[in-house]
Amino acid sequence: MAKILLVEDNEMNRDMLTRRLSRNGFEVVVAVNGQEGVDLALSQRPSLILMDMSLPVLDGWEATRRVKADPSTAGIPVIALTAHAMAQDREDAMAAGCDDFDTKPVELPRLLEKIRALLGTGE
């Protein structure tokens, strides 16, 4: 079972995504701010990280940079999750080291497709 680290400060988004990902066969570990996300990435070694970009303590861009800078977590795919859907937001996320980008509100079928593509598990 693939382990997904969900880094999300909004409780409603966190609960909804955790339930829906669990129903789709993923183990979900949750962080509520960017620093906690970096710490859990290092300690839990998830298969993939879903990273909200607007986070307290450490924003998603910096948290992603730190995860990608550490050799032990650099290979973990990161999908940026953001309500900001402008082209520049996608470019900024990719520049920070994200492997893909998805907008909120999350469309689960589209997100699952991206997760499976990055994990190489396809449908």
N, C-alpha and C. Protein backbone atom coordinates (compact mmCIF):
# COMPACT_ATOMS: atom_id res chain seq x y z
N MET A 1 0.85 -1.18 0.00
CA MET A 1 0.00 0.00 0.00
C MET A 1 0.90 1.25 0.00
N ALA A 2 0.66 2.11 -0.96
CA ALA A 2 1.46 3.34 -1.06
C ALA A 2 1.08 4.30 0.05
N LYS A 3 2.10 4.92 0.63
CA LYS A 3 1.89 5.90 1.70
C LYS A 3 1.97 7.30 1.11
N ILE A 4 0.93 8.08 1.35
CA ILE A 4 0.89 9.47 0.87
C ILE A 4 0.95 10.41 2.07
N LEU A 5 1.86 11.37 1.99
CA LEU A 5 1.94 12.43 2.99
C LEU A 5 1.11 13.60 2.48
N LEU A 6 0.06 13.94 3.20
CA LEU A 6 -0.79 15.07 2.86
C LEU A 6 -0.42 16.24 3.76
N VAL A 7 0.09 17.30 3.16
CA VAL A 7 0.47 18.49 3.92
C VAL A 7 -0.58 19.55 3.61
N GLU A 8 -1.49 19.76 4.56
CA GLU A 8 -2.66 20.61 4.33
C GLU A 8 -3.10 21.22 5.65
N ASP A 9 -3.24 22.54 5.68
CA ASP A 9 -3.64 23.20 6.93
C ASP A 9 -5.15 23.36 7.08
N ASN A 10 -5.91 23.22 6.00
CA ASN A 10 -7.36 23.38 6.07
C ASN A 10 -7.99 22.06 6.51
N GLU A 11 -8.65 22.09 7.67
CA GLU A 11 -9.17 20.85 8.25
C GLU A 11 -10.18 20.16 7.34
N MET A 12 -11.06 20.93 6.70
CA MET A 12 -12.08 20.34 5.83
C MET A 12 -11.42 19.64 4.63
N ASN A 13 -10.45 20.31 3.99
CA ASN A 13 -9.73 19.70 2.87
C ASN A 13 -8.97 18.45 3.32
N ARG A 14 -8.34 18.55 4.48
CA ARG A 14 -7.55 17.45 5.03
C ARG A 14 -8.44 16.22 5.27
N ASP A 15 -9.57 16.43 5.93
CA ASP A 15 -10.46 15.31 6.24
C ASP A 15 -11.01 14.67 4.97
N MET A 16 -11.46 15.50 4.04
CA MET A 16 -12.04 15.00 2.80
C MET A 16 -11.01 14.20 2.01
N LEU A 17 -9.82 14.76 1.84
CA LEU A 17 -8.79 14.06 1.06
C LEU A 17 -8.32 12.79 1.76
N THR A 18 -8.16 12.83 3.07
CA THR A 18 -7.73 11.65 3.81
C THR A 18 -8.73 10.51 3.61
N ARG A 19 -10.02 10.81 3.77
CA ARG A 19 -11.05 9.77 3.59
C ARG A 19 -11.05 9.22 2.17
N ARG A 20 -11.01 10.11 1.20
CA ARG A 20 -11.12 9.67 -0.19
C ARG A 20 -9.87 8.91 -0.65
N LEU A 21 -8.71 9.33 -0.21
CA LEU A 21 -7.48 8.61 -0.57
C LEU A 21 -7.44 7.24 0.11
N SER A 22 -7.87 7.19 1.37
CA SER A 22 -7.91 5.91 2.10
C SER A 22 -8.84 4.92 1.40
N ARG A 23 -10.00 5.42 0.96
CA ARG A 23 -10.95 4.56 0.24
C ARG A 23 -10.37 4.04 -1.07
N ASN A 24 -9.40 4.76 -1.61
CA ASN A 24 -8.77 4.34 -2.86
C ASN A 24 -7.50 3.53 -2.62
N GLY A 25 -7.32 3.07 -1.39
CA GLY A 25 -6.25 2.13 -1.10
C GLY A 25 -4.92 2.71 -0.68
N PHE A 26 -4.90 3.98 -0.31
CA PHE A 26 -3.64 4.60 0.12
C PHE A 26 -3.61 4.74 1.63
N GLU A 27 -2.43 4.61 2.20
CA GLU A 27 -2.21 4.95 3.60
C GLU A 27 -1.90 6.45 3.61
N VAL A 28 -2.57 7.21 4.48
CA VAL A 28 -2.39 8.66 4.49
C VAL A 28 -1.79 9.11 5.82
N VAL A 29 -0.71 9.87 5.72
CA VAL A 29 -0.08 10.51 6.87
C VAL A 29 -0.32 12.00 6.69
N VAL A 30 -0.67 12.71 7.77
CA VAL A 30 -1.07 14.11 7.65
C VAL A 30 -0.14 15.05 8.41
N ALA A 31 0.19 16.16 7.76
CA ALA A 31 0.92 17.26 8.39
C ALA A 31 0.08 18.52 8.22
N VAL A 32 0.10 19.40 9.23
CA VAL A 32 -0.76 20.59 9.17
C VAL A 32 0.00 21.88 8.87
N ASN A 33 1.34 21.78 8.74
CA ASN A 33 2.12 22.95 8.32
C ASN A 33 3.36 22.46 7.57
N GLY A 34 4.04 23.38 6.92
CA GLY A 34 5.17 23.01 6.08
C GLY A 34 6.32 22.36 6.83
N GLN A 35 6.64 22.86 8.02
CA GLN A 35 7.74 22.27 8.80
C GLN A 35 7.41 20.84 9.20
N GLU A 36 6.18 20.63 9.64
CA GLU A 36 5.76 19.27 10.01
C GLU A 36 5.82 18.36 8.77
N GLY A 37 5.48 18.92 7.60
CA GLY A 37 5.55 18.15 6.37
C GLY A 37 6.98 17.70 6.06
N VAL A 38 7.94 18.61 6.22
CA VAL A 38 9.35 18.26 5.99
C VAL A 38 9.78 17.19 7.00
N ASP A 39 9.42 17.38 8.26
CA ASP A 39 9.81 16.43 9.30
C ASP A 39 9.23 15.04 9.03
N LEU A 40 7.94 14.99 8.63
CA LEU A 40 7.30 13.70 8.37
C LEU A 40 7.84 13.06 7.09
N ALA A 41 8.20 13.87 6.11
CA ALA A 41 8.81 13.32 4.89
C ALA A 41 10.10 12.58 5.26
N LEU A 42 10.88 13.19 6.15
CA LEU A 42 12.15 12.58 6.57
C LEU A 42 11.94 11.33 7.42
N SER A 43 10.96 11.37 8.31
CA SER A 43 10.78 10.23 9.23
C SER A 43 9.91 9.12 8.65
N GLN A 44 8.93 9.45 7.82
CA GLN A 44 7.98 8.45 7.31
C GLN A 44 8.34 7.91 5.93
N ARG A 45 9.14 8.64 5.16
CA ARG A 45 9.52 8.26 3.80
C ARG A 45 8.30 7.84 2.98
N PRO A 46 7.35 8.76 2.76
CA PRO A 46 6.15 8.40 2.00
C PRO A 46 6.49 8.10 0.54
N SER A 47 5.55 7.46 -0.15
CA SER A 47 5.71 7.17 -1.58
C SER A 47 5.51 8.43 -2.41
N LEU A 48 4.69 9.36 -1.88
CA LEU A 48 4.34 10.59 -2.59
C LEU A 48 3.88 11.63 -1.58
N ILE A 49 4.06 12.91 -1.92
CA ILE A 49 3.63 14.01 -1.05
C ILE A 49 2.64 14.88 -1.81
N LEU A 50 1.52 15.17 -1.17
CA LEU A 50 0.57 16.18 -1.67
C LEU A 50 0.81 17.42 -0.83
N MET A 51 1.31 18.49 -1.45
CA MET A 51 1.77 19.67 -0.73
C MET A 51 0.91 20.89 -1.04
N ASP A 52 0.15 21.33 -0.04
CA ASP A 52 -0.54 22.61 -0.16
C ASP A 52 0.55 23.67 -0.23
N MET A 53 0.34 24.71 -1.01
CA MET A 53 1.37 25.73 -1.15
C MET A 53 1.22 26.85 -0.12
N SER A 54 0.01 27.12 0.33
CA SER A 54 -0.24 28.18 1.31
C SER A 54 -0.35 27.57 2.69
N LEU A 55 0.78 27.46 3.37
CA LEU A 55 0.84 26.79 4.67
C LEU A 55 1.43 27.71 5.73
N PRO A 56 1.04 27.49 7.00
CA PRO A 56 1.68 28.23 8.08
C PRO A 56 3.06 27.65 8.40
N VAL A 57 3.83 28.37 9.16
CA VAL A 57 5.17 28.02 9.65
C VAL A 57 6.18 28.04 8.51
N LEU A 58 5.96 27.21 7.50
CA LEU A 58 6.85 27.12 6.34
C LEU A 58 5.93 26.90 5.14
N ASP A 59 6.00 27.78 4.14
CA ASP A 59 5.07 27.61 3.01
C ASP A 59 5.46 26.39 2.17
N GLY A 60 4.56 25.99 1.30
CA GLY A 60 4.75 24.78 0.51
C GLY A 60 5.93 24.84 -0.43
N TRP A 61 6.24 26.03 -0.93
CA TRP A 61 7.39 26.16 -1.83
C TRP A 61 8.69 25.84 -1.07
N GLU A 62 8.85 26.46 0.09
CA GLU A 62 10.06 26.24 0.88
C GLU A 62 10.12 24.80 1.41
N ALA A 63 8.97 24.28 1.85
CA ALA A 63 8.93 22.90 2.35
C ALA A 63 9.35 21.93 1.24
N THR A 64 8.87 22.17 0.02
CA THR A 64 9.24 21.32 -1.11
C THR A 64 10.73 21.43 -1.40
N ARG A 65 11.25 22.67 -1.40
CA ARG A 65 12.69 22.85 -1.63
C ARG A 65 13.52 22.06 -0.62
N ARG A 66 13.08 22.07 0.64
CA ARG A 66 13.83 21.35 1.69
C ARG A 66 13.75 19.84 1.51
N VAL A 67 12.57 19.34 1.15
CA VAL A 67 12.41 17.90 0.90
C VAL A 67 13.29 17.48 -0.27
N LYS A 68 13.29 18.28 -1.34
CA LYS A 68 14.05 17.93 -2.55
C LYS A 68 15.56 18.13 -2.34
N ALA A 69 15.95 18.96 -1.37
CA ALA A 69 17.37 19.21 -1.12
C ALA A 69 18.01 18.09 -0.30
N ASP A 70 17.21 17.30 0.40
CA ASP A 70 17.75 16.23 1.23
C ASP A 70 17.86 14.96 0.38
N PRO A 71 19.06 14.39 0.28
CA PRO A 71 19.23 13.20 -0.56
C PRO A 71 18.30 12.04 -0.19
N SER A 72 17.93 11.94 1.08
CA SER A 72 17.08 10.81 1.50
C SER A 72 15.63 10.97 1.08
N THR A 73 15.21 12.20 0.74
CA THR A 73 13.81 12.42 0.34
C THR A 73 13.70 13.04 -1.05
N ALA A 74 14.82 13.32 -1.69
CA ALA A 74 14.81 14.03 -2.98
C ALA A 74 14.02 13.29 -4.06
N GLY A 75 13.97 11.97 -3.98
CA GLY A 75 13.27 11.20 -5.01
C GLY A 75 11.78 11.04 -4.79
N ILE A 76 11.26 11.55 -3.69
CA ILE A 76 9.82 11.42 -3.43
C ILE A 76 9.06 12.41 -4.31
N PRO A 77 8.12 11.92 -5.13
CA PRO A 77 7.35 12.85 -5.97
C PRO A 77 6.47 13.76 -5.12
N VAL A 78 6.39 15.03 -5.52
CA VAL A 78 5.57 16.02 -4.82
C VAL A 78 4.56 16.61 -5.81
N ILE A 79 3.29 16.59 -5.42
CA ILE A 79 2.25 17.25 -6.21
C ILE A 79 1.82 18.48 -5.43
N ALA A 80 1.96 19.65 -6.05
CA ALA A 80 1.51 20.90 -5.44
C ALA A 80 0.00 20.98 -5.51
N LEU A 81 -0.62 21.37 -4.40
CA LEU A 81 -2.07 21.61 -4.38
C LEU A 81 -2.28 23.07 -4.03
N THR A 82 -2.98 23.78 -4.89
CA THR A 82 -3.19 25.20 -4.62
C THR A 82 -4.48 25.70 -5.25
N ALA A 83 -5.05 26.71 -4.62
CA ALA A 83 -6.23 27.37 -5.17
C ALA A 83 -5.83 28.35 -6.26
N HIS A 84 -4.54 28.64 -6.34
CA HIS A 84 -4.03 29.58 -7.34
C HIS A 84 -3.77 28.83 -8.64
N ALA A 85 -4.54 29.15 -9.67
CA ALA A 85 -4.48 28.37 -10.91
C ALA A 85 -3.80 29.11 -12.05
N MET A 86 -3.07 30.16 -11.75
CA MET A 86 -2.40 30.91 -12.80
C MET A 86 -1.16 30.16 -13.28
N ALA A 87 -0.76 30.41 -14.53
CA ALA A 87 0.41 29.74 -15.11
C ALA A 87 1.66 29.99 -14.25
N GLN A 88 1.79 31.21 -13.72
CA GLN A 88 2.96 31.53 -12.89
C GLN A 88 3.00 30.69 -11.62
N ASP A 89 1.84 30.38 -11.07
CA ASP A 89 1.79 29.55 -9.86
C ASP A 89 2.32 28.15 -10.16
N ARG A 90 1.93 27.62 -11.32
CA ARG A 90 2.43 26.30 -11.72
C ARG A 90 3.95 26.36 -11.92
N GLU A 91 4.42 27.39 -12.60
CA GLU A 91 5.86 27.54 -12.83
C GLU A 91 6.62 27.65 -11.52
N ASP A 92 6.08 28.42 -10.57
CA ASP A 92 6.74 28.58 -9.27
C ASP A 92 6.82 27.24 -8.53
N ALA A 93 5.73 26.48 -8.59
CA ALA A 93 5.70 25.17 -7.91
C ALA A 93 6.71 24.22 -8.54
N MET A 94 6.77 24.20 -9.86
CA MET A 94 7.70 23.32 -10.55
C MET A 94 9.15 23.76 -10.25
N ALA A 95 9.37 25.07 -10.20
CA ALA A 95 10.71 25.59 -9.90
C ALA A 95 11.16 25.20 -8.49
N ALA A 96 10.20 25.08 -7.57
CA ALA A 96 10.51 24.70 -6.19
C ALA A 96 10.83 23.21 -6.08
N GLY A 97 10.52 22.46 -7.14
CA GLY A 97 10.84 21.03 -7.14
C GLY A 97 9.64 20.11 -7.21
N CYS A 98 8.44 20.67 -7.32
CA CYS A 98 7.24 19.82 -7.43
C CYS A 98 7.29 19.05 -8.75
N ASP A 99 6.75 17.84 -8.71
CA ASP A 99 6.74 16.98 -9.90
C ASP A 99 5.46 17.16 -10.71
N ASP A 100 4.42 17.68 -10.07
CA ASP A 100 3.16 17.95 -10.75
C ASP A 100 2.42 18.99 -9.95
N PHE A 101 1.27 19.39 -10.46
CA PHE A 101 0.53 20.54 -9.93
C PHE A 101 -0.95 20.25 -10.09
N ASP A 102 -1.74 20.52 -9.08
CA ASP A 102 -3.18 20.36 -9.20
C ASP A 102 -3.87 21.49 -8.45
N THR A 103 -5.02 21.87 -8.94
CA THR A 103 -5.73 23.00 -8.36
C THR A 103 -6.84 22.55 -7.41
N LYS A 104 -7.16 23.44 -6.50
CA LYS A 104 -8.29 23.24 -5.59
C LYS A 104 -9.45 24.07 -6.13
N PRO A 105 -10.68 23.64 -5.94
CA PRO A 105 -11.02 22.40 -5.23
C PRO A 105 -10.55 21.18 -6.02
N VAL A 106 -10.13 20.18 -5.28
CA VAL A 106 -9.57 18.98 -5.88
C VAL A 106 -10.65 18.19 -6.60
N GLU A 107 -10.34 17.78 -7.82
CA GLU A 107 -11.18 16.83 -8.56
C GLU A 107 -10.50 15.48 -8.38
N LEU A 108 -11.08 14.62 -7.55
CA LEU A 108 -10.40 13.37 -7.17
C LEU A 108 -9.98 12.50 -8.35
N PRO A 109 -10.82 12.27 -9.35
CA PRO A 109 -10.36 11.42 -10.46
C PRO A 109 -9.10 11.96 -11.13
N ARG A 110 -9.04 13.27 -11.32
CA ARG A 110 -7.86 13.87 -11.95
C ARG A 110 -6.64 13.74 -11.03
N LEU A 111 -6.83 13.98 -9.73
CA LEU A 111 -5.72 13.87 -8.78
C LEU A 111 -5.22 12.42 -8.69
N LEU A 112 -6.14 11.46 -8.64
CA LEU A 112 -5.75 10.05 -8.58
C LEU A 112 -4.95 9.65 -9.81
N GLU A 113 -5.33 10.17 -10.96
CA GLU A 113 -4.60 9.89 -12.20
C GLU A 113 -3.15 10.38 -12.08
N LYS A 114 -2.99 11.60 -11.54
CA LYS A 114 -1.65 12.16 -11.37
C LYS A 114 -0.84 11.35 -10.35
N ILE A 115 -1.48 10.97 -9.25
CA ILE A 115 -0.81 10.17 -8.21
C ILE A 115 -0.34 8.85 -8.80
N ARG A 116 -1.23 8.16 -9.51
CA ARG A 116 -0.89 6.84 -10.07
C ARG A 116 0.20 6.96 -11.13
N ALA A 117 0.16 8.04 -11.91
CA ALA A 117 1.20 8.24 -12.93
C ALA A 117 2.57 8.41 -12.27
N LEU A 118 2.63 9.22 -11.20
CA LEU A 118 3.91 9.44 -10.52
C LEU A 118 4.39 8.21 -9.77
N LEU A 119 3.46 7.40 -9.28
CA LEU A 119 3.84 6.18 -8.57
C LEU A 119 4.09 5.03 -9.54
N GLY A 120 3.74 5.23 -10.81
CA GLY A 120 3.92 4.17 -11.80
C GLY A 120 2.98 3.00 -11.62
N THR A 121 1.79 3.29 -11.04
CA THR A 121 0.85 2.21 -10.78
C THR A 121 -0.33 2.21 -11.75
N GLY A 122 -0.47 3.25 -12.57
CA GLY A 122 -1.53 3.30 -13.60
C GLY A 122 -2.83 2.67 -13.19
N GLU A 123 -3.77 2.66 -14.04
CA GLU A 123 -5.06 2.03 -13.76
C GLU A 123 -5.11 0.66 -14.39
